[in-house]
Amino acid sequence: MLAVAGSHGTIQIWDITSPLPRRSAVSGTGDAVLALAFSRDGTTLKTLGTHTPLRTHTVSPGPGAARVCQRVGRSLSREDWQAYLPKLPYRRIC
């Protein structure tokens, strides 16, 4: 993975084996990003901004999917999947 910080505090994560971003942009610092670092296991990304304290972002899909399932209590329907994830083949995540 490669994390790239934009000039306005946005952060994009790329899978270097693919020309496509790995996921949508991470909620950035909102100001100039001074530092980016992945955890050793690659599940989190730490960011530090000029005026923003150190933040930890989950970048592994597993914990995020589990939180969504817990909140929603069901998998996405095929219609929802097509609306929100049209480039990915449908699968049940919960």
PDB file of N, CA and C in Angstrom:
ATOM      1  N   MET A   1       0.841  -1.182   0.000  1.00  0.00           N
ATOM      2  CA  MET A   1       0.000   0.000   0.000  1.00  0.00           C
ATOM      3  C   MET A   1       0.881   1.239   0.000  1.00  0.00           C
ATOM      4  N   LEU A   2       0.312   2.286  -0.542  1.00  0.00           N
ATOM      5  CA  LEU A   2       0.981   3.574  -0.579  1.00  0.00           C
ATOM      6  C   LEU A   2      -0.031   4.625  -0.147  1.00  0.00           C
ATOM      7  N   ALA A   3       0.306   5.455   0.818  1.00  0.00           N
ATOM      8  CA  ALA A   3      -0.551   6.554   1.252  1.00  0.00           C
ATOM      9  C   ALA A   3       0.037   7.849   0.702  1.00  0.00           C
ATOM     10  N   VAL A   4      -0.823   8.660   0.081  1.00  0.00           N
ATOM     11  CA  VAL A   4      -0.391   9.912  -0.530  1.00  0.00           C
ATOM     12  C   VAL A   4      -1.233  11.037   0.052  1.00  0.00           C
ATOM     13  N   ALA A   5      -0.569  12.069   0.542  1.00  0.00           N
ATOM     14  CA  ALA A   5      -1.270  13.223   1.110  1.00  0.00           C
ATOM     15  C   ALA A   5      -1.377  14.323   0.072  1.00  0.00           C
ATOM     16  N   GLY A   6      -2.577  14.889  -0.047  1.00  0.00           N
ATOM     17  CA  GLY A   6      -2.802  16.008  -0.952  1.00  0.00           C
ATOM     18  C   GLY A   6      -2.497  17.321  -0.272  1.00  0.00           C
ATOM     19  N   SER A   7      -2.516  18.388  -1.041  1.00  0.00           N
ATOM     20  CA  SER A   7      -2.145  19.705  -0.509  1.00  0.00           C
ATOM     21  C   SER A   7      -3.179  20.278   0.461  1.00  0.00           C
ATOM     22  N   HIS A   8      -4.392  19.736   0.468  1.00  0.00           N
ATOM     23  CA  HIS A   8      -5.439  20.251   1.356  1.00  0.00           C
ATOM     24  C   HIS A   8      -5.755  19.275   2.488  1.00  0.00           C
ATOM     25  N   GLY A   9      -4.823  18.392   2.811  1.00  0.00           N
ATOM     26  CA  GLY A   9      -5.013  17.468   3.917  1.00  0.00           C
ATOM     27  C   GLY A   9      -5.742  16.190   3.564  1.00  0.00           C
ATOM     28  N   THR A  10      -6.058  15.981   2.292  1.00  0.00           N
ATOM     29  CA  THR A  10      -6.700  14.729   1.899  1.00  0.00           C
ATOM     30  C   THR A  10      -5.653  13.634   1.815  1.00  0.00           C
ATOM     31  N   ILE A  11      -6.094  12.399   2.064  1.00  0.00           N
ATOM     32  CA  ILE A  11      -5.176  11.263   2.040  1.00  0.00           C
ATOM     33  C   ILE A  11      -5.806  10.162   1.205  1.00  0.00           C
ATOM     34  N   GLN A  12      -5.086   9.682   0.212  1.00  0.00           N
ATOM     35  CA  GLN A  12      -5.548   8.604  -0.657  1.00  0.00           C
ATOM     36  C   GLN A  12      -4.653   7.398  -0.444  1.00  0.00           C
ATOM     37  N   ILE A  13      -5.263   6.214  -0.378  1.00  0.00           N
ATOM     38  CA  ILE A  13      -4.490   4.981  -0.211  1.00  0.00           C
ATOM     39  C   ILE A  13      -4.561   4.196  -1.515  1.00  0.00           C
ATOM     40  N   TRP A  14      -3.396   3.767  -1.990  1.00  0.00           N
ATOM     41  CA  TRP A  14      -3.291   3.038  -3.255  1.00  0.00           C
ATOM     42  C   TRP A  14      -2.740   1.640  -3.011  1.00  0.00           C
ATOM     43  N   ASP A  15      -3.245   0.696  -3.787  1.00  0.00           N
ATOM     44  CA  ASP A  15      -2.666  -0.640  -3.846  1.00  0.00           C
ATOM     45  C   ASP A  15      -1.664  -0.559  -4.987  1.00  0.00           C
ATOM     46  N   ILE A  16      -0.385  -0.697  -4.711  1.00  0.00           N
ATOM     47  CA  ILE A  16       0.627  -0.461  -5.749  1.00  0.00           C
ATOM     48  C   ILE A  16       0.627  -1.526  -6.841  1.00  0.00           C
ATOM     49  N   THR A  17      -0.156  -2.602  -6.655  1.00  0.00           N
ATOM     50  CA  THR A  17      -0.266  -3.618  -7.710  1.00  0.00           C
ATOM     51  C   THR A  17      -1.409  -3.319  -8.671  1.00  0.00           C
ATOM     52  N   SER A  18      -2.150  -2.232  -8.434  1.00  0.00           N
ATOM     53  CA  SER A  18      -3.307  -1.888  -9.249  1.00  0.00           C
ATOM     54  C   SER A  18      -3.268  -0.407  -9.596  1.00  0.00           C
ATOM     55  N   PRO A  19      -3.812  -0.014 -10.761  1.00  0.00           N
ATOM     56  CA  PRO A  19      -3.852   1.408 -11.093  1.00  0.00           C
ATOM     57  C   PRO A  19      -4.985   2.151 -10.384  1.00  0.00           C
ATOM     58  N   LEU A  20      -5.802   1.435  -9.625  1.00  0.00           N
ATOM     59  CA  LEU A  20      -6.952   2.041  -8.960  1.00  0.00           C
ATOM     60  C   LEU A  20      -6.677   2.259  -7.481  1.00  0.00           C
ATOM     61  N   PRO A  21      -7.268   3.322  -6.899  1.00  0.00           N
ATOM     62  CA  PRO A  21      -7.115   3.522  -5.463  1.00  0.00           C
ATOM     63  C   PRO A  21      -7.669   2.324  -4.707  1.00  0.00           C
ATOM     64  N   ARG A  22      -7.082   2.017  -3.568  1.00  0.00           N
ATOM     65  CA  ARG A  22      -7.528   0.886  -2.767  1.00  0.00           C
ATOM     66  C   ARG A  22      -8.874   1.169  -2.130  1.00  0.00           C
ATOM     67  N   ARG A  23      -9.106   2.390  -1.751  1.00  0.00           N
ATOM     68  CA  ARG A  23     -10.358   2.785  -1.116  1.00  0.00           C
ATOM     69  C   ARG A  23     -10.549   4.271  -1.329  1.00  0.00           C
ATOM     70  N   SER A  24     -11.705   4.761  -0.957  1.00  0.00           N
ATOM     71  CA  SER A  24     -11.929   6.188  -1.084  1.00  0.00           C
ATOM     72  C   SER A  24     -10.979   6.934  -0.156  1.00  0.00           C
ATOM     73  N   ALA A  25     -10.862   8.221  -0.364  1.00  0.00           N
ATOM     74  CA  ALA A  25      -9.925   9.014   0.419  1.00  0.00           C
ATOM     75  C   ALA A  25     -10.217   8.887   1.915  1.00  0.00           C
ATOM     76  N   VAL A  26      -9.158   8.845   2.693  1.00  0.00           N
ATOM     77  CA  VAL A  26      -9.260   8.824   4.152  1.00  0.00           C
ATOM     78  C   VAL A  26      -9.586  10.231   4.607  1.00  0.00           C
ATOM     79  N   SER A  27     -10.383  10.346   5.641  1.00  0.00           N
ATOM     80  CA  SER A  27     -10.664  11.653   6.225  1.00  0.00           C
ATOM     81  C   SER A  27      -9.332  12.237   6.676  1.00  0.00           C
ATOM     82  N   GLY A  28      -8.909  13.288   6.028  1.00  0.00           N
ATOM     83  CA  GLY A  28      -7.574  13.831   6.274  1.00  0.00           C
ATOM     84  C   GLY A  28      -7.493  14.716   7.492  1.00  0.00           C
ATOM     85  N   THR A  29      -6.400  15.431   7.564  1.00  0.00           N
ATOM     86  CA  THR A  29      -6.140  16.287   8.710  1.00  0.00           C
ATOM     87  C   THR A  29      -6.859  17.628   8.602  1.00  0.00           C
ATOM     88  N   GLY A  30      -7.235  18.033   7.385  1.00  0.00           N
ATOM     89  CA  GLY A  30      -7.866  19.328   7.188  1.00  0.00           C
ATOM     90  C   GLY A  30      -6.845  20.441   7.029  1.00  0.00           C
ATOM     91  N   ASP A  31      -5.594  20.127   7.235  1.00  0.00           N
ATOM     92  CA  ASP A  31      -4.505  21.077   7.045  1.00  0.00           C
ATOM     93  C   ASP A  31      -3.338  20.322   6.411  1.00  0.00           C
ATOM     94  N   ALA A  32      -2.215  20.950   6.286  1.00  0.00           N
ATOM     95  CA  ALA A  32      -1.064  20.285   5.666  1.00  0.00           C
ATOM     96  C   ALA A  32      -0.672  19.044   6.463  1.00  0.00           C
ATOM     97  N   VAL A  33      -0.490  17.941   5.756  1.00  0.00           N
ATOM     98  CA  VAL A  33      -0.096  16.683   6.400  1.00  0.00           C
ATOM     99  C   VAL A  33       1.415  16.688   6.575  1.00  0.00           C
ATOM    100  N   LEU A  34       1.855  16.514   7.808  1.00  0.00           N
ATOM    101  CA  LEU A  34       3.287  16.498   8.104  1.00  0.00           C
ATOM    102  C   LEU A  34       3.869  15.092   8.072  1.00  0.00           C
ATOM    103  N   ALA A  35       3.047  14.087   8.439  1.00  0.00           N
ATOM    104  CA  ALA A  35       3.573  12.722   8.506  1.00  0.00           C
ATOM    105  C   ALA A  35       2.463  11.703   8.283  1.00  0.00           C
ATOM    106  N   LEU A  36       2.842  10.587   7.646  1.00  0.00           N
ATOM    107  CA  LEU A  36       1.971   9.431   7.423  1.00  0.00           C
ATOM    108  C   LEU A  36       2.771   8.190   7.787  1.00  0.00           C
ATOM    109  N   ALA A  37       2.131   7.224   8.448  1.00  0.00           N
ATOM    110  CA  ALA A  37       2.831   5.972   8.761  1.00  0.00           C
ATOM    111  C   ALA A  37       1.820   4.853   8.927  1.00  0.00           C
ATOM    112  N   PHE A  38       2.081   3.720   8.250  1.00  0.00           N
ATOM    113  CA  PHE A  38       1.264   2.526   8.420  1.00  0.00           C
ATOM    114  C   PHE A  38       1.742   1.771   9.645  1.00  0.00           C
ATOM    115  N   SER A  39       0.821   1.069  10.304  1.00  0.00           N
ATOM    116  CA  SER A  39       1.212   0.163  11.391  1.00  0.00           C
ATOM    117  C   SER A  39       1.966  -1.013  10.777  1.00  0.00           C
ATOM    118  N   ARG A  40       2.693  -1.750  11.585  1.00  0.00           N
ATOM    119  CA  ARG A  40       3.473  -2.883  11.078  1.00  0.00           C
ATOM    120  C   ARG A  40       2.605  -3.919  10.379  1.00  0.00           C
ATOM    121  N   ASP A  41       1.370  -4.119  10.882  1.00  0.00           N
ATOM    122  CA  ASP A  41       0.493  -5.122  10.273  1.00  0.00           C
ATOM    123  C   ASP A  41      -0.349  -4.560   9.123  1.00  0.00           C
ATOM    124  N   GLY A  42      -0.223  -3.267   8.841  1.00  0.00           N
ATOM    125  CA  GLY A  42      -0.921  -2.660   7.712  1.00  0.00           C
ATOM    126  C   GLY A  42      -2.398  -2.422   7.915  1.00  0.00           C
ATOM    127  N   THR A  43      -2.897  -2.517   9.142  1.00  0.00           N
ATOM    128  CA  THR A  43      -4.328  -2.342   9.373  1.00  0.00           C
ATOM    129  C   THR A  43      -4.718  -0.907   9.711  1.00  0.00           C
ATOM    130  N   THR A  44      -3.739  -0.093  10.113  1.00  0.00           N
ATOM    131  CA  THR A  44      -4.042   1.303  10.437  1.00  0.00           C
ATOM    132  C   THR A  44      -3.017   2.238   9.799  1.00  0.00           C
ATOM    133  N   LEU A  45      -3.437   3.483   9.659  1.00  0.00           N
ATOM    134  CA  LEU A  45      -2.578   4.548   9.145  1.00  0.00           C
ATOM    135  C   LEU A  45      -2.632   5.688  10.140  1.00  0.00           C
ATOM    136  N   LYS A  46      -1.485   6.167  10.565  1.00  0.00           N
ATOM    137  CA  LYS A  46      -1.421   7.313  11.475  1.00  0.00           C
ATOM    138  C   LYS A  46      -1.094   8.550  10.658  1.00  0.00           C
ATOM    139  N   THR A  47      -1.772   9.653  10.978  1.00  0.00           N
ATOM    140  CA  THR A  47      -1.536  10.918  10.279  1.00  0.00           C
ATOM    141  C   THR A  47      -1.332  12.035  11.294  1.00  0.00           C
ATOM    142  N   LEU A  48      -0.554  13.011  10.898  1.00  0.00           N
ATOM    143  CA  LEU A  48      -0.286  14.172  11.739  1.00  0.00           C
ATOM    144  C   LEU A  48      -0.318  15.401  10.851  1.00  0.00           C
ATOM    145  N   GLY A  49      -1.073  16.411  11.270  1.00  0.00           N
ATOM    146  CA  GLY A  49      -1.164  17.640  10.494  1.00  0.00           C
ATOM    147  C   GLY A  49      -0.493  18.801  11.187  1.00  0.00           C
ATOM    148  N   THR A  50      -0.399  19.910  10.471  1.00  0.00           N
ATOM    149  CA  THR A  50       0.211  21.108  11.032  1.00  0.00           C
ATOM    150  C   THR A  50      -0.488  21.534  12.314  1.00  0.00           C
ATOM    151  N   HIS A  51      -1.823  21.524  12.288  1.00  0.00           N
ATOM    152  CA  HIS A  51      -2.610  21.942  13.446  1.00  0.00           C
ATOM    153  C   HIS A  51      -3.495  20.813  13.972  1.00  0.00           C
ATOM    154  N   THR A  52      -3.289  19.615  13.480  1.00  0.00           N
ATOM    155  CA  THR A  52      -4.120  18.471  13.846  1.00  0.00           C
ATOM    156  C   THR A  52      -3.276  17.445  14.589  1.00  0.00           C
ATOM    157  N   PRO A  53      -3.751  16.994  15.762  1.00  0.00           N
ATOM    158  CA  PRO A  53      -2.980  15.991  16.505  1.00  0.00           C
ATOM    159  C   PRO A  53      -2.951  14.654  15.771  1.00  0.00           C
ATOM    160  N   LEU A  54      -2.136  13.762  16.252  1.00  0.00           N
ATOM    161  CA  LEU A  54      -2.001  12.437  15.672  1.00  0.00           C
ATOM    162  C   LEU A  54      -3.349  11.734  15.631  1.00  0.00           C
ATOM    163  N   ARG A  55      -3.705  11.191  14.453  1.00  0.00           N
ATOM    164  CA  ARG A  55      -4.951  10.448  14.271  1.00  0.00           C
ATOM    165  C   ARG A  55      -4.628   9.054  13.770  1.00  0.00           C
ATOM    166  N   THR A  56      -5.474   8.096  14.137  1.00  0.00           N
ATOM    167  CA  THR A  56      -5.338   6.725  13.658  1.00  0.00           C
ATOM    168  C   THR A  56      -6.552   6.383  12.817  1.00  0.00           C
ATOM    169  N   HIS A  57      -6.319   5.896  11.606  1.00  0.00           N
ATOM    170  CA  HIS A  57      -7.381   5.526  10.670  1.00  0.00           C
ATOM    171  C   HIS A  57      -7.292   4.031  10.393  1.00  0.00           C
ATOM    172  N   THR A  58      -8.414   3.332  10.457  1.00  0.00           N
ATOM    173  CA  THR A  58      -8.441   1.919  10.097  1.00  0.00           C
ATOM    174  C   THR A  58      -8.447   1.829   8.579  1.00  0.00           C
ATOM    175  N   VAL A  59      -7.495   1.099   8.016  1.00  0.00           N
ATOM    176  CA  VAL A  59      -7.423   0.954   6.553  1.00  0.00           C
ATOM    177  C   VAL A  59      -7.681  -0.473   6.092  1.00  0.00           C
ATOM    178  N   SER A  60      -7.769  -1.400   7.030  1.00  0.00           N
ATOM    179  CA  SER A  60      -8.102  -2.780   6.703  1.00  0.00           C
ATOM    180  C   SER A  60      -9.615  -2.880   6.580  1.00  0.00           C
ATOM    181  N   PRO A  61     -10.142  -3.537   5.540  1.00  0.00           N
ATOM    182  CA  PRO A  61     -11.595  -3.581   5.366  1.00  0.00           C
ATOM    183  C   PRO A  61     -12.326  -4.411   6.404  1.00  0.00           C
ATOM    184  N   GLY A  62     -11.678  -5.365   7.026  1.00  0.00           N
ATOM    185  CA  GLY A  62     -12.346  -6.248   7.983  1.00  0.00           C
ATOM    186  C   GLY A  62     -13.028  -5.531   9.134  1.00  0.00           C
ATOM    187  N   PRO A  63     -12.312  -4.733   9.919  1.00  0.00           N
ATOM    188  CA  PRO A  63     -12.945  -4.038  11.047  1.00  0.00           C
ATOM    189  C   PRO A  63     -14.040  -3.070  10.605  1.00  0.00           C
ATOM    190  N   GLY A  64     -13.836  -2.400   9.487  1.00  0.00           N
ATOM    191  CA  GLY A  64     -14.859  -1.477   8.987  1.00  0.00           C
ATOM    192  C   GLY A  64     -16.126  -2.199   8.593  1.00  0.00           C
ATOM    193  N   ALA A  65     -15.987  -3.313   7.904  1.00  0.00           N
ATOM    194  CA  ALA A  65     -17.150  -4.102   7.498  1.00  0.00           C
ATOM    195  C   ALA A  65     -17.887  -4.623   8.724  1.00  0.00           C
ATOM    196  N   ALA A  66     -17.156  -5.064   9.727  1.00  0.00           N
ATOM    197  CA  ALA A  66     -17.790  -5.574  10.949  1.00  0.00           C
ATOM    198  C   ALA A  66     -18.588  -4.477  11.646  1.00  0.00           C
ATOM    199  N   ARG A  67     -18.049  -3.251  11.687  1.00  0.00           N
ATOM    200  CA  ARG A  67     -18.770  -2.139  12.314  1.00  0.00           C
ATOM    201  C   ARG A  67     -20.038  -1.810  11.540  1.00  0.00           C
ATOM    202  N   VAL A  68     -19.958  -1.820  10.214  1.00  0.00           N
ATOM    203  CA  VAL A  68     -21.146  -1.540   9.392  1.00  0.00           C
ATOM    204  C   VAL A  68     -22.207  -2.610   9.643  1.00  0.00           C
ATOM    205  N   CYS A  69     -21.810  -3.878   9.639  1.00  0.00           N
ATOM    206  CA  CYS A  69     -22.756  -4.965   9.876  1.00  0.00           C
ATOM    207  C   CYS A  69     -23.418  -4.833  11.244  1.00  0.00           C
ATOM    208  N   GLN A  70     -22.626  -4.458  12.243  1.00  0.00           N
ATOM    209  CA  GLN A  70     -23.162  -4.313  13.593  1.00  0.00           C
ATOM    210  C   GLN A  70     -24.189  -3.191  13.644  1.00  0.00           C
ATOM    211  N   ARG A  71     -23.910  -2.076  12.983  1.00  0.00           N
ATOM    212  CA  ARG A  71     -24.837  -0.942  12.997  1.00  0.00           C
ATOM    213  C   ARG A  71     -26.100  -1.219  12.200  1.00  0.00           C
ATOM    214  N   VAL A  72     -25.931  -1.808  11.028  1.00  0.00           N
ATOM    215  CA  VAL A  72     -27.064  -2.010  10.123  1.00  0.00           C
ATOM    216  C   VAL A  72     -27.832  -3.278  10.455  1.00  0.00           C
ATOM    217  N   GLY A  73     -27.122  -4.318  10.881  1.00  0.00           N
ATOM    218  CA  GLY A  73     -27.760  -5.568  11.235  1.00  0.00           C
ATOM    219  C   GLY A  73     -28.093  -6.465  10.062  1.00  0.00           C
ATOM    220  N   ARG A  74     -27.561  -6.154   8.871  1.00  0.00           N
ATOM    221  CA  ARG A  74     -27.819  -6.974   7.690  1.00  0.00           C
ATOM    222  C   ARG A  74     -26.792  -6.666   6.623  1.00  0.00           C
ATOM    223  N   SER A  75     -26.711  -7.528   5.621  1.00  0.00           N
ATOM    224  CA  SER A  75     -25.865  -7.269   4.460  1.00  0.00           C
ATOM    225  C   SER A  75     -26.565  -6.287   3.528  1.00  0.00           C
ATOM    226  N   LEU A  76     -25.812  -5.698   2.626  1.00  0.00           N
ATOM    227  CA  LEU A  76     -26.430  -4.855   1.609  1.00  0.00           C
ATOM    228  C   LEU A  76     -27.260  -5.711   0.665  1.00  0.00           C
ATOM    229  N   SER A  77     -28.377  -5.169   0.225  1.00  0.00           N
ATOM    230  CA  SER A  77     -29.150  -5.855  -0.804  1.00  0.00           C
ATOM    231  C   SER A  77     -28.399  -5.725  -2.123  1.00  0.00           C
ATOM    232  N   ARG A  78     -28.773  -6.520  -3.098  1.00  0.00           N
ATOM    233  CA  ARG A  78     -28.130  -6.413  -4.417  1.00  0.00           C
ATOM    234  C   ARG A  78     -28.327  -5.015  -4.998  1.00  0.00           C
ATOM    235  N   GLU A  79     -29.494  -4.424  -4.765  1.00  0.00           N
ATOM    236  CA  GLU A  79     -29.777  -3.077  -5.278  1.00  0.00           C
ATOM    237  C   GLU A  79     -28.872  -2.032  -4.611  1.00  0.00           C
ATOM    238  N   ASP A  80     -28.723  -2.121  -3.287  1.00  0.00           N
ATOM    239  CA  ASP A  80     -27.832  -1.198  -2.579  1.00  0.00           C
ATOM    240  C   ASP A  80     -26.396  -1.375  -3.055  1.00  0.00           C
ATOM    241  N   TRP A  81     -25.966  -2.630  -3.207  1.00  0.00           N
ATOM    242  CA  TRP A  81     -24.608  -2.913  -3.660  1.00  0.00           C
ATOM    243  C   TRP A  81     -24.362  -2.260  -5.019  1.00  0.00           C
ATOM    244  N   GLN A  82     -25.310  -2.432  -5.930  1.00  0.00           N
ATOM    245  CA  GLN A  82     -25.170  -1.859  -7.271  1.00  0.00           C
ATOM    246  C   GLN A  82     -25.125  -0.334  -7.213  1.00  0.00           C
ATOM    247  N   ALA A  83     -25.890   0.264  -6.307  1.00  0.00           N
ATOM    248  CA  ALA A  83     -25.914   1.726  -6.189  1.00  0.00           C
ATOM    249  C   ALA A  83     -24.622   2.283  -5.600  1.00  0.00           C
ATOM    250  N   TYR A  84     -24.062   1.609  -4.588  1.00  0.00           N
ATOM    251  CA  TYR A  84     -22.916   2.153  -3.873  1.00  0.00           C
ATOM    252  C   TYR A  84     -21.570   1.544  -4.241  1.00  0.00           C
ATOM    253  N   LEU A  85     -21.590   0.320  -4.779  1.00  0.00           N
ATOM    254  CA  LEU A  85     -20.347  -0.374  -5.125  1.00  0.00           C
ATOM    255  C   LEU A  85     -20.456  -0.996  -6.519  1.00  0.00           C
ATOM    256  N   PRO A  86     -20.800  -0.211  -7.520  1.00  0.00           N
ATOM    257  CA  PRO A  86     -21.097  -0.775  -8.839  1.00  0.00           C
ATOM    258  C   PRO A  86     -19.929  -1.477  -9.526  1.00  0.00           C
ATOM    259  N   LYS A  87     -18.709  -1.167  -9.166  1.00  0.00           N
ATOM    260  CA  LYS A  87     -17.548  -1.774  -9.830  1.00  0.00           C
ATOM    261  C   LYS A  87     -17.116  -3.098  -9.200  1.00  0.00           C
ATOM    262  N   LEU A  88     -17.722  -3.453  -8.071  1.00  0.00           N
ATOM    263  CA  LEU A  88     -17.343  -4.687  -7.389  1.00  0.00           C
ATOM    264  C   LEU A  88     -18.441  -5.735  -7.530  1.00  0.00           C
ATOM    265  N   PRO A  89     -18.056  -7.000  -7.678  1.00  0.00           N
ATOM    266  CA  PRO A  89     -19.081  -8.044  -7.732  1.00  0.00           C
ATOM    267  C   PRO A  89     -19.791  -8.186  -6.391  1.00  0.00           C
ATOM    268  N   TYR A  90     -21.078  -8.467  -6.440  1.00  0.00           N
ATOM    269  CA  TYR A  90     -21.882  -8.587  -5.208  1.00  0.00           C
ATOM    270  C   TYR A  90     -21.398  -9.748  -4.347  1.00  0.00           C
ATOM    271  N   ARG A  91     -21.394  -9.510  -3.033  1.00  0.00           N
ATOM    272  CA  ARG A  91     -21.156 -10.578  -2.070  1.00  0.00           C
ATOM    273  C   ARG A  91     -21.748 -10.161  -0.735  1.00  0.00           C
ATOM    274  N   ARG A  92     -22.128 -11.136   0.042  1.00  0.00           N
ATOM    275  CA  ARG A  92     -22.654 -10.870   1.378  1.00  0.00           C
ATOM    276  C   ARG A  92     -21.474 -10.593   2.306  1.00  0.00           C
ATOM    277  N   ILE A  93     -21.568  -9.529   3.078  1.00  0.00           N
ATOM    278  CA  ILE A  93     -20.465  -9.198   3.980  1.00  0.00           C
ATOM    279  C   ILE A  93     -20.827  -9.396   5.444  1.00  0.00           C
ATOM    280  N   CYS A  94     -22.095  -9.603   5.723  1.00  0.00           N
ATOM    281  CA  CYS A  94     -22.529  -9.810   7.116  1.00  0.00           C
ATOM    282  C   CYS A  94     -22.973 -11.234   7.329  1.00  0.00           C
TER     283      CYS A  94
END
